[in-house]
């Protein structure tokens, strides 16, 4: 099942479809812990951090990242969700999209360092939409991007600050991400041959 607001051709793997697993549950957990350490090192702690996930799987990853940041630093990190549906530049081509909730933590984003979290970075268009959405919500001091997978094929000049795995792919391949809290079963990232959607 493809995520309609995805920056990636398909976001949820079909267990009946053969694919090559590139990240196991342990790999995903280690990648998020490493990203948490990178964020803390770059920010010199977690003061003034806000973690926002881009629906749908980015929200689950943001919650895991916030928990990892709290484990390392010992204090809670505000976490929320940022829906980008109405900011996408392909609404005319695909006008029917499922909207998700935006949940900004108490205290907002003004003068905060916002860490945007998504599952897969592909064309960069979802991230551009997220930046537009953030602009309507406040004025962060800085915005950083953390993604589980960067698969290349950028169409916009957007780069992730924190990457779990750089995964060179062909455009004909699909990267599928499964997360237990969203899809059930075990976490996994797979590459599946097929036409991009």
Protein backbone atom coordinates (compact mmCIF):
# COMPACT_ATOMS: atom_id res chain seq x y z
CA UNK A 1 0.00 0.00 0.00
CA UNK A 2 1.56 3.29 -1.06
CA UNK A 3 1.48 6.28 1.25
CA UNK A 4 -0.30 9.01 -0.73
CA UNK A 5 1.71 11.88 0.71
CA UNK A 6 5.02 10.10 0.31
CA UNK A 7 8.16 11.55 -1.20
CA UNK A 8 8.92 7.99 -2.17
CA UNK A 9 7.10 5.76 -4.66
CA UNK A 10 5.95 3.33 -1.97
CA UNK A 11 6.26 3.54 1.78
CA UNK A 12 4.67 0.40 3.14
CA UNK A 13 5.98 -2.93 2.03
CA UNK A 14 3.74 -5.69 0.84
CA UNK A 15 4.87 -8.83 2.68
CA UNK A 16 3.78 -10.98 -0.29
CA UNK A 17 6.08 -9.03 -2.62
CA UNK A 18 9.66 -10.26 -2.76
CA UNK A 19 12.20 -7.64 -1.84
CA UNK A 20 15.74 -7.30 -0.64
CA UNK A 21 15.91 -6.34 3.04
CA UNK A 22 18.46 -3.58 3.59
CA UNK A 23 17.63 -2.62 7.19
CA UNK A 24 16.55 -5.03 9.91
CA UNK A 25 14.82 -4.02 13.17
CA UNK A 26 18.23 -3.83 14.87
CA UNK A 27 19.68 -1.73 12.04
CA UNK A 28 16.79 0.74 12.31
CA UNK A 29 17.19 1.00 16.08
CA UNK A 30 20.95 1.60 15.78
CA UNK A 31 20.43 4.20 13.04
CA UNK A 32 18.01 6.16 15.23
CA UNK A 33 20.38 6.02 18.21
CA UNK A 34 23.22 7.30 16.01
CA UNK A 35 21.02 10.10 14.66
CA UNK A 36 20.09 11.04 18.26
CA UNK A 37 23.78 11.35 19.18
CA UNK A 38 24.44 13.44 16.05
CA UNK A 39 21.55 15.78 16.87
CA UNK A 40 22.75 16.21 20.46
CA UNK A 41 26.33 16.84 19.36
CA UNK A 42 25.32 19.40 16.74
CA UNK A 43 22.85 21.15 19.08
CA UNK A 44 25.09 20.84 22.15
CA UNK A 45 22.27 19.18 24.07
CA UNK A 46 18.52 19.09 23.67
CA UNK A 47 17.59 22.56 24.93
CA UNK A 48 15.19 24.31 22.54
CA UNK A 49 14.78 21.20 20.38
CA UNK A 50 11.40 20.26 18.88
CA UNK A 51 11.07 17.02 16.90
CA UNK A 52 8.31 16.93 14.27
CA UNK A 53 7.47 13.86 12.21
CA UNK A 54 6.04 14.04 8.70
CA UNK A 55 3.08 11.63 8.46
CA UNK A 56 2.75 8.90 8.29
CA UNK A 57 5.83 6.85 9.21
CA UNK A 58 7.86 9.95 10.00
CA UNK A 59 5.66 10.47 13.07
CA UNK A 60 6.55 7.04 14.51
CA UNK A 61 10.22 7.67 13.75
CA UNK A 62 10.04 11.12 15.39
CA UNK A 63 8.60 9.57 18.54
CA UNK A 64 11.39 6.99 18.60
CA UNK A 65 14.01 9.67 18.00
CA UNK A 66 12.61 11.84 20.82
CA UNK A 67 12.72 8.82 23.14
CA UNK A 68 16.36 8.16 22.15
CA UNK A 69 17.24 11.82 22.77
CA UNK A 70 15.61 11.59 26.20
CA UNK A 71 17.51 8.39 27.00
CA UNK A 72 20.83 10.09 26.28
CA UNK A 73 20.15 13.51 27.82
CA UNK A 74 17.78 12.53 30.62
CA UNK A 75 15.07 15.09 29.88
CA UNK A 76 11.96 15.07 27.71
CA UNK A 77 12.10 16.43 24.17
CA UNK A 78 8.90 17.89 22.69
CA UNK A 79 7.63 15.81 19.78
CA UNK A 80 4.76 16.31 17.36
CA UNK A 81 3.51 15.85 13.81
CA UNK A 82 3.47 18.15 10.80
CA UNK A 83 0.92 17.42 8.06
CA UNK A 84 2.07 18.68 4.65
CA UNK A 85 -0.86 17.48 2.52
CA UNK A 86 -2.19 20.91 1.53
CA UNK A 87 1.32 22.26 0.84
CA UNK A 88 2.24 19.65 -1.76
CA UNK A 89 2.90 20.80 -5.32
CA UNK A 90 1.15 17.82 -6.91
CA UNK A 91 -2.37 18.37 -5.56
CA UNK A 92 -3.69 19.16 -9.04
CA UNK A 93 -2.46 15.82 -10.35
CA UNK A 94 -3.57 13.87 -7.26
CA UNK A 95 -6.32 15.94 -5.58
CA UNK A 96 -7.61 13.09 -3.39
CA UNK A 97 -5.23 12.69 -0.47
CA UNK A 98 -5.71 11.61 3.10
CA UNK A 99 -5.03 14.52 5.42
CA UNK A 100 -3.28 13.86 8.72
CA UNK A 101 -3.22 15.84 11.94
CA UNK A 102 -0.68 18.50 12.74
CA UNK A 103 0.27 18.43 16.42
CA UNK A 104 2.70 21.13 17.54
CA UNK A 105 4.00 20.68 21.10
CA UNK A 106 3.08 23.26 23.72
CA UNK A 107 5.51 26.14 23.44
CA UNK A 108 5.37 26.15 19.65
CA UNK A 109 8.32 26.36 17.30
CA UNK A 110 9.31 30.04 17.48
CA UNK A 111 13.05 30.41 18.13
CA UNK A 112 13.38 26.62 18.49
CA UNK A 113 15.57 24.19 16.58
CA UNK A 114 13.11 22.00 14.71
CA UNK A 115 14.20 18.53 13.65
CA UNK A 116 11.95 17.32 10.83
CA UNK A 117 11.80 13.53 10.60
CA UNK A 118 10.73 11.42 7.62
CA UNK A 119 11.19 7.82 6.60
CA UNK A 120 12.60 8.19 3.07
CA UNK A 121 14.13 11.18 1.29
CA UNK A 122 13.58 10.90 -2.47
CA UNK A 123 12.73 13.90 -4.67
CA UNK A 124 12.76 16.44 -1.81
CA UNK A 125 9.23 17.67 -2.56
CA UNK A 126 7.73 16.47 0.72
CA UNK A 127 10.45 18.30 2.65
CA UNK A 128 9.81 21.48 0.63
CA UNK A 129 6.12 21.19 1.54
CA UNK A 130 7.09 20.70 5.20
CA UNK A 131 9.19 23.88 5.15
CA UNK A 132 6.23 25.80 3.72
CA UNK A 133 3.94 24.36 6.42
CA UNK A 134 6.43 25.33 9.14
CA UNK A 135 6.51 28.89 7.82
CA UNK A 136 2.78 29.19 8.48
CA UNK A 137 3.18 27.94 12.06
CA UNK A 138 6.02 30.08 13.32
CA UNK A 139 9.64 31.08 12.91
CA UNK A 140 12.09 28.43 14.09
CA UNK A 141 15.67 29.45 14.80
CA UNK A 142 16.86 26.57 12.61
CA UNK A 143 15.41 23.54 10.82
CA UNK A 144 17.30 20.28 10.47
CA UNK A 145 16.25 17.19 8.54
CA UNK A 146 16.63 13.62 9.78
CA UNK A 147 15.65 10.69 7.55
CA UNK A 148 15.89 6.96 8.00
CA UNK A 149 16.83 6.41 4.34
CA UNK A 150 18.20 8.74 1.66
CA UNK A 151 17.66 7.01 -1.69
CA UNK A 152 18.88 9.80 -3.98
CA UNK A 153 17.14 11.10 -7.14
CA UNK A 154 16.64 14.61 -5.74
CA UNK A 155 14.55 17.03 -7.81
CA UNK A 156 15.09 19.99 -5.46
CA UNK A 157 18.24 21.28 -3.73
CA UNK A 158 17.43 19.64 -0.39
CA UNK A 159 19.85 17.61 1.71
CA UNK A 160 19.35 15.70 4.94
CA UNK A 161 21.44 16.68 7.97
CA UNK A 162 21.11 13.25 9.59
CA UNK A 163 20.74 10.01 7.61
CA UNK A 164 20.25 6.50 8.94
CA UNK A 165 21.36 4.91 5.66
CA UNK A 166 22.31 6.25 2.25
CA UNK A 167 20.76 3.80 -0.17
CA UNK A 168 21.57 4.27 -3.86
CA UNK A 169 18.61 3.03 -5.90
CA UNK A 170 17.36 2.91 -9.46
CA UNK A 171 14.26 4.99 -10.17
CA UNK A 172 12.48 1.78 -11.15
CA UNK A 173 12.97 0.41 -7.64
CA UNK A 174 10.69 1.09 -4.69
CA UNK A 175 11.92 1.57 -1.14
CA UNK A 176 9.43 0.15 1.33
CA UNK A 177 9.48 0.97 5.04
CA UNK A 178 7.60 -1.05 7.63
CA UNK A 179 7.35 0.09 11.26
CA UNK A 180 5.74 -2.03 13.96
CA UNK A 181 3.57 0.76 15.37
CA UNK A 182 2.26 1.69 11.93
CA UNK A 183 2.21 -1.54 9.92
CA UNK A 184 2.35 -4.29 12.55
CA UNK A 185 4.95 -7.03 12.43
CA UNK A 186 8.69 -6.40 12.43
CA UNK A 187 10.42 -3.22 11.34
CA UNK A 188 12.10 -3.49 7.95
CA UNK A 189 13.36 -1.48 5.01
CA UNK A 190 13.33 -3.25 1.67
CA UNK A 191 14.10 -2.51 -1.95
CA UNK A 192 11.49 -3.91 -4.32
CA UNK A 193 11.84 -4.00 -8.10
CA UNK A 194 9.02 -2.36 -9.97
CA UNK A 195 7.78 0.80 -11.60
CA UNK A 196 7.77 3.88 -9.35
CA UNK A 197 4.33 5.29 -8.58
